[in-house]
Amino acid sequence: MSLIPSFFSGRRSNVFDPFSLDVWDPFKDFPFPSSLSTTAGDNSAFVSTRVDWRETPEAHVFKADLPGLKKDEVKVEIEDDRVLQISGERNVEKEDKNDTWHRVERSSGRFMRRFRLPENAKMDQVKASMENGVLTVTVPKAEVKKADVKAIQIS
């Protein structure tokens, strides 16, 4: 999630999400190479890949829409002990000099999303799968041990 809320998108946005590491780049859609974005010039629709993060009683589940990508074109990594990183790249389609392009709307380029995971995440049991262009990353949660409460006799 960006640090600036989107008033124009239909998706929910939470500016105060403490686990998100996304940084808003105010210049990412401008055509100059001095943009803070590492993917200047790429189509931002793919670069800003949408990821849903759902917490169940057993796990944290991340789902990312990555249409057209194969599982070997996507990386899922754990960094700095508690940071989940999802990254990849869609290559630009080869152009034939005899073709005339009327519109280019499908995106290409690199993408990367990073999420700081909470303390209860079992980092050694992370699983990822990809089906029909949807990447699912499951991070199991450690059981929270309830403190033993002993009743003390009052004298």
C-alpha atoms as a PDB file:
ATOM      1  CA  MET A   1       0.000   0.000   0.000  1.00  0.00           C
ATOM      2  CA  SER A   2       1.239   3.429  -0.736  1.00  0.00           C
ATOM      3  CA  LEU A   3       1.796   6.061   1.879  1.00  0.00           C
ATOM      4  CA  ILE A   4      -0.734   8.257   0.105  1.00  0.00           C
ATOM      5  CA  PRO A   5      -4.332   6.996  -0.118  1.00  0.00           C
ATOM      6  CA  SER A   6      -5.923   6.560  -3.498  1.00  0.00           C
ATOM      7  CA  PHE A   7      -9.237   8.354  -3.737  1.00  0.00           C
ATOM      8  CA  PHE A   8      -9.796   7.213  -7.306  1.00  0.00           C
ATOM      9  CA  SER A   9      -9.441   3.453  -6.994  1.00  0.00           C
ATOM     10  CA  GLY A  10     -12.260   1.196  -5.923  1.00  0.00           C
ATOM     11  CA  ARG A  11     -10.005  -0.876  -3.672  1.00  0.00           C
ATOM     12  CA  ARG A  12      -9.658  -0.396   0.037  1.00  0.00           C
ATOM     13  CA  SER A  13      -6.553   1.503   1.106  1.00  0.00           C
ATOM     14  CA  ASN A  14      -5.082   1.833   4.572  1.00  0.00           C
ATOM     15  CA  VAL A  15      -2.526   4.597   4.887  1.00  0.00           C
ATOM     16  CA  PHE A  16      -1.634   3.570   8.420  1.00  0.00           C
ATOM     17  CA  ASP A  17      -0.720  -0.074   7.701  1.00  0.00           C
ATOM     18  CA  PRO A  18       2.355  -0.659   9.928  1.00  0.00           C
ATOM     19  CA  PHE A  19       3.417  -3.759   7.994  1.00  0.00           C
ATOM     20  CA  SER A  20       3.651  -2.195   4.548  1.00  0.00           C
ATOM     21  CA  LEU A  21       7.056  -1.150   3.231  1.00  0.00           C
ATOM     22  CA  ASP A  22       5.885   0.359  -0.048  1.00  0.00           C
ATOM     23  CA  VAL A  23       7.205   3.826  -0.716  1.00  0.00           C
ATOM     24  CA  TRP A  24       5.147   6.283  -2.693  1.00  0.00           C
ATOM     25  CA  ASP A  25       7.033   7.683  -5.671  1.00  0.00           C
ATOM     26  CA  PRO A  26       5.360  10.937  -6.798  1.00  0.00           C
ATOM     27  CA  PHE A  27       7.368  10.895 -10.029  1.00  0.00           C
ATOM     28  CA  LYS A  28       6.840   7.295 -11.157  1.00  0.00           C
ATOM     29  CA  ASP A  29       4.377   8.187 -13.933  1.00  0.00           C
ATOM     30  CA  PHE A  30       6.495  11.003 -15.341  1.00  0.00           C
ATOM     31  CA  PRO A  31       8.668  10.237 -18.366  1.00  0.00           C
ATOM     32  CA  PHE A  32      11.970  11.536 -16.994  1.00  0.00           C
ATOM     33  CA  PRO A  33      14.770   9.142 -16.109  1.00  0.00           C
ATOM     34  CA  SER A  34      15.506  10.955 -12.841  1.00  0.00           C
ATOM     35  CA  SER A  35      12.418   9.401 -11.253  1.00  0.00           C
ATOM     36  CA  LEU A  36      12.857   7.799  -7.856  1.00  0.00           C
ATOM     37  CA  SER A  37      11.206   4.724  -9.306  1.00  0.00           C
ATOM     38  CA  THR A  38      13.589   1.966 -10.376  1.00  0.00           C
ATOM     39  CA  THR A  39      11.193   1.113 -13.160  1.00  0.00           C
ATOM     40  CA  ALA A  40      10.882   4.478 -14.875  1.00  0.00           C
ATOM     41  CA  GLY A  41       9.308   4.123 -18.275  1.00  0.00           C
ATOM     42  CA  ASP A  42       7.527   0.871 -17.460  1.00  0.00           C
ATOM     43  CA  ASN A  43       3.781   0.630 -17.537  1.00  0.00           C
ATOM     44  CA  SER A  44       2.759   1.248 -13.936  1.00  0.00           C
ATOM     45  CA  ALA A  45      -0.223  -1.102 -14.139  1.00  0.00           C
ATOM     46  CA  PHE A  46       2.061  -4.113 -13.846  1.00  0.00           C
ATOM     47  CA  VAL A  47       4.767  -2.445 -11.822  1.00  0.00           C
ATOM     48  CA  SER A  48       2.329  -1.701  -9.021  1.00  0.00           C
ATOM     49  CA  THR A  49       1.113  -5.283  -8.758  1.00  0.00           C
ATOM     50  CA  ARG A  50      -1.886  -5.590  -6.458  1.00  0.00           C
ATOM     51  CA  VAL A  51      -1.498  -7.929  -3.501  1.00  0.00           C
ATOM     52  CA  ASP A  52      -4.180  -8.975  -1.028  1.00  0.00           C
ATOM     53  CA  TRP A  53      -3.035  -9.834   2.517  1.00  0.00           C
ATOM     54  CA  ARG A  54      -5.484 -11.846   4.586  1.00  0.00           C
ATOM     55  CA  GLU A  55      -4.923 -13.122   8.111  1.00  0.00           C
ATOM     56  CA  THR A  56      -6.640 -16.321   9.169  1.00  0.00           C
ATOM     57  CA  PRO A  57      -6.412 -17.964  12.595  1.00  0.00           C
ATOM     58  CA  GLU A  58      -3.713 -20.285  11.195  1.00  0.00           C
ATOM     59  CA  ALA A  59      -1.725 -18.152   8.713  1.00  0.00           C
ATOM     60  CA  HIS A  60      -1.070 -14.936   6.819  1.00  0.00           C
ATOM     61  CA  VAL A  61      -2.118 -15.441   3.179  1.00  0.00           C
ATOM     62  CA  PHE A  62      -0.876 -13.209   0.353  1.00  0.00           C
ATOM     63  CA  LYS A  63      -2.439 -13.342  -3.136  1.00  0.00           C
ATOM     64  CA  ALA A  64      -0.952 -11.483  -6.098  1.00  0.00           C
ATOM     65  CA  ASP A  65      -2.408 -11.271  -9.599  1.00  0.00           C
ATOM     66  CA  LEU A  66       0.404 -11.990 -12.049  1.00  0.00           C
ATOM     67  CA  PRO A  67      -1.319 -12.780 -15.359  1.00  0.00           C
ATOM     68  CA  GLY A  68       0.853 -14.303 -18.051  1.00  0.00           C
ATOM     69  CA  LEU A  69       3.801 -15.053 -15.777  1.00  0.00           C
ATOM     70  CA  LYS A  70       5.192 -18.508 -15.127  1.00  0.00           C
ATOM     71  CA  LYS A  71       6.308 -19.569 -11.668  1.00  0.00           C
ATOM     72  CA  ASP A  72       9.981 -19.493 -12.707  1.00  0.00           C
ATOM     73  CA  GLU A  73       9.595 -15.780 -13.575  1.00  0.00           C
ATOM     74  CA  VAL A  74       8.555 -14.868 -10.013  1.00  0.00           C
ATOM     75  CA  LYS A  75      10.712 -14.787  -6.856  1.00  0.00           C
ATOM     76  CA  VAL A  76       9.434 -15.109  -3.306  1.00  0.00           C
ATOM     77  CA  GLU A  77      12.107 -14.306  -0.726  1.00  0.00           C
ATOM     78  CA  ILE A  78      12.426 -13.703   2.995  1.00  0.00           C
ATOM     79  CA  GLU A  79      14.760 -10.831   3.827  1.00  0.00           C
ATOM     80  CA  ASP A  80      16.115  -9.553   7.120  1.00  0.00           C
ATOM     81  CA  ASP A  81      14.270 -12.274   9.029  1.00  0.00           C
ATOM     82  CA  ARG A  82      10.792 -10.695   8.834  1.00  0.00           C
ATOM     83  CA  VAL A  83      10.402  -9.149   5.367  1.00  0.00           C
ATOM     84  CA  LEU A  84       8.540 -11.021   2.642  1.00  0.00           C
ATOM     85  CA  GLN A  85       9.548  -9.893  -0.848  1.00  0.00           C
ATOM     86  CA  ILE A  86       7.666 -10.822  -4.019  1.00  0.00           C
ATOM     87  CA  SER A  87       9.365  -9.790  -7.262  1.00  0.00           C
ATOM     88  CA  GLY A  88       9.598 -10.630 -10.926  1.00  0.00           C
ATOM     89  CA  GLU A  89       9.675  -9.283 -14.442  1.00  0.00           C
ATOM     90  CA  ARG A  90       7.561  -9.510 -17.564  1.00  0.00           C
ATOM     91  CA  ASN A  91       9.619  -9.052 -20.705  1.00  0.00           C
ATOM     92  CA  VAL A  92       8.558  -6.732 -23.496  1.00  0.00           C
ATOM     93  CA  GLU A  93       7.062  -8.531 -26.467  1.00  0.00           C
ATOM     94  CA  LYS A  94       9.419  -8.651 -29.444  1.00  0.00           C
ATOM     95  CA  GLU A  95       8.576  -6.062 -32.071  1.00  0.00           C
ATOM     96  CA  ASP A  96       8.518  -6.883 -35.740  1.00  0.00           C
ATOM     97  CA  LYS A  97       9.411  -3.920 -37.949  1.00  0.00           C
ATOM     98  CA  ASN A  98       6.575  -4.850 -40.317  1.00  0.00           C
ATOM     99  CA  ASP A  99       3.940  -4.618 -37.562  1.00  0.00           C
ATOM    100  CA  THR A 100       1.965  -1.475 -36.832  1.00  0.00           C
ATOM    101  CA  TRP A 101       1.046  -1.067 -33.171  1.00  0.00           C
ATOM    102  CA  HIS A 102      -2.215   0.806 -32.548  1.00  0.00           C
ATOM    103  CA  ARG A 103      -2.295   0.503 -28.785  1.00  0.00           C
ATOM    104  CA  VAL A 104      -0.051  -0.931 -26.061  1.00  0.00           C
ATOM    105  CA  GLU A 105      -1.916  -1.437 -22.786  1.00  0.00           C
ATOM    106  CA  ARG A 106      -0.441  -4.652 -21.439  1.00  0.00           C
ATOM    107  CA  SER A 107       2.304  -3.874 -19.018  1.00  0.00           C
ATOM    108  CA  SER A 108       5.870  -5.073 -18.859  1.00  0.00           C
ATOM    109  CA  GLY A 109       8.879  -4.524 -16.666  1.00  0.00           C
ATOM    110  CA  ARG A 110       9.948  -5.346 -13.149  1.00  0.00           C
ATOM    111  CA  PHE A 111       7.856  -5.348 -10.046  1.00  0.00           C
ATOM    112  CA  MET A 112       8.629  -5.785  -6.359  1.00  0.00           C
ATOM    113  CA  ARG A 113       6.415  -5.775  -3.289  1.00  0.00           C
ATOM    114  CA  ARG A 114       7.712  -6.012   0.283  1.00  0.00           C
ATOM    115  CA  PHE A 115       5.806  -6.722   3.477  1.00  0.00           C
ATOM    116  CA  ARG A 116       7.045  -6.663   7.061  1.00  0.00           C
ATOM    117  CA  LEU A 117       5.611  -9.707   8.785  1.00  0.00           C
ATOM    118  CA  PRO A 118       4.488  -9.729  12.406  1.00  0.00           C
ATOM    119  CA  GLU A 119       6.328 -11.538  15.204  1.00  0.00           C
ATOM    120  CA  ASN A 120       4.013 -14.556  15.155  1.00  0.00           C
ATOM    121  CA  ALA A 121       4.965 -15.562  11.573  1.00  0.00           C
ATOM    122  CA  LYS A 122       6.766 -18.895  11.175  1.00  0.00           C
ATOM    123  CA  MET A 123       9.408 -17.787   8.689  1.00  0.00           C
ATOM    124  CA  ASP A 124      10.822 -21.291   8.226  1.00  0.00           C
ATOM    125  CA  GLN A 125       7.494 -22.714   6.980  1.00  0.00           C
ATOM    126  CA  VAL A 126       6.575 -20.278   4.190  1.00  0.00           C
ATOM    127  CA  LYS A 127       4.915 -21.914   1.160  1.00  0.00           C
ATOM    128  CA  ALA A 128       4.167 -20.470  -2.267  1.00  0.00           C
ATOM    129  CA  SER A 129       2.127 -21.744  -5.195  1.00  0.00           C
ATOM    130  CA  MET A 130       0.988 -20.316  -8.509  1.00  0.00           C
ATOM    131  CA  GLU A 131      -2.179 -21.239 -10.350  1.00  0.00           C
ATOM    132  CA  ASN A 132      -3.852 -19.483 -13.295  1.00  0.00           C
ATOM    133  CA  GLY A 133      -1.711 -16.360 -12.875  1.00  0.00           C
ATOM    134  CA  VAL A 134      -2.412 -15.982  -9.152  1.00  0.00           C
ATOM    135  CA  LEU A 135       0.504 -16.324  -6.739  1.00  0.00           C
ATOM    136  CA  THR A 136      -0.474 -17.503  -3.254  1.00  0.00           C
ATOM    137  CA  VAL A 137       2.055 -17.213  -0.418  1.00  0.00           C
ATOM    138  CA  THR A 138       1.096 -18.770   2.907  1.00  0.00           C
ATOM    139  CA  VAL A 139       2.997 -17.853   6.066  1.00  0.00           C
ATOM    140  CA  PRO A 140       1.865 -20.004   9.025  1.00  0.00           C
ATOM    141  CA  LYS A 141       1.395 -18.341  12.400  1.00  0.00           C
ATOM    142  CA  ALA A 142       2.937 -19.539  15.648  1.00  0.00           C
ATOM    143  CA  GLU A 143       0.488 -20.429  18.357  1.00  0.00           C
ATOM    144  CA  VAL A 144       0.229 -17.768  20.993  1.00  0.00           C
ATOM    145  CA  LYS A 145       0.819 -19.432  24.325  1.00  0.00           C
ATOM    146  CA  LYS A 146      -1.585 -18.329  26.971  1.00  0.00           C
ATOM    147  CA  ALA A 147       0.019 -17.546  30.276  1.00  0.00           C
ATOM    148  CA  ASP A 148      -0.741 -20.026  33.026  1.00  0.00           C
ATOM    149  CA  VAL A 149      -2.927 -18.270  35.519  1.00  0.00           C
ATOM    150  CA  LYS A 150      -2.811 -19.692  39.012  1.00  0.00           C
ATOM    151  CA  ALA A 151      -5.330 -18.689  41.550  1.00  0.00           C
ATOM    152  CA  ILE A 152      -3.665 -17.550  44.716  1.00  0.00           C
ATOM    153  CA  GLN A 153      -5.396 -18.138  47.986  1.00  0.00           C
ATOM    154  CA  ILE A 154      -5.947 -14.909  49.866  1.00  0.00           C
ATOM    155  CA  SER A 155      -5.348 -15.264  53.578  1.00  0.00           C
END
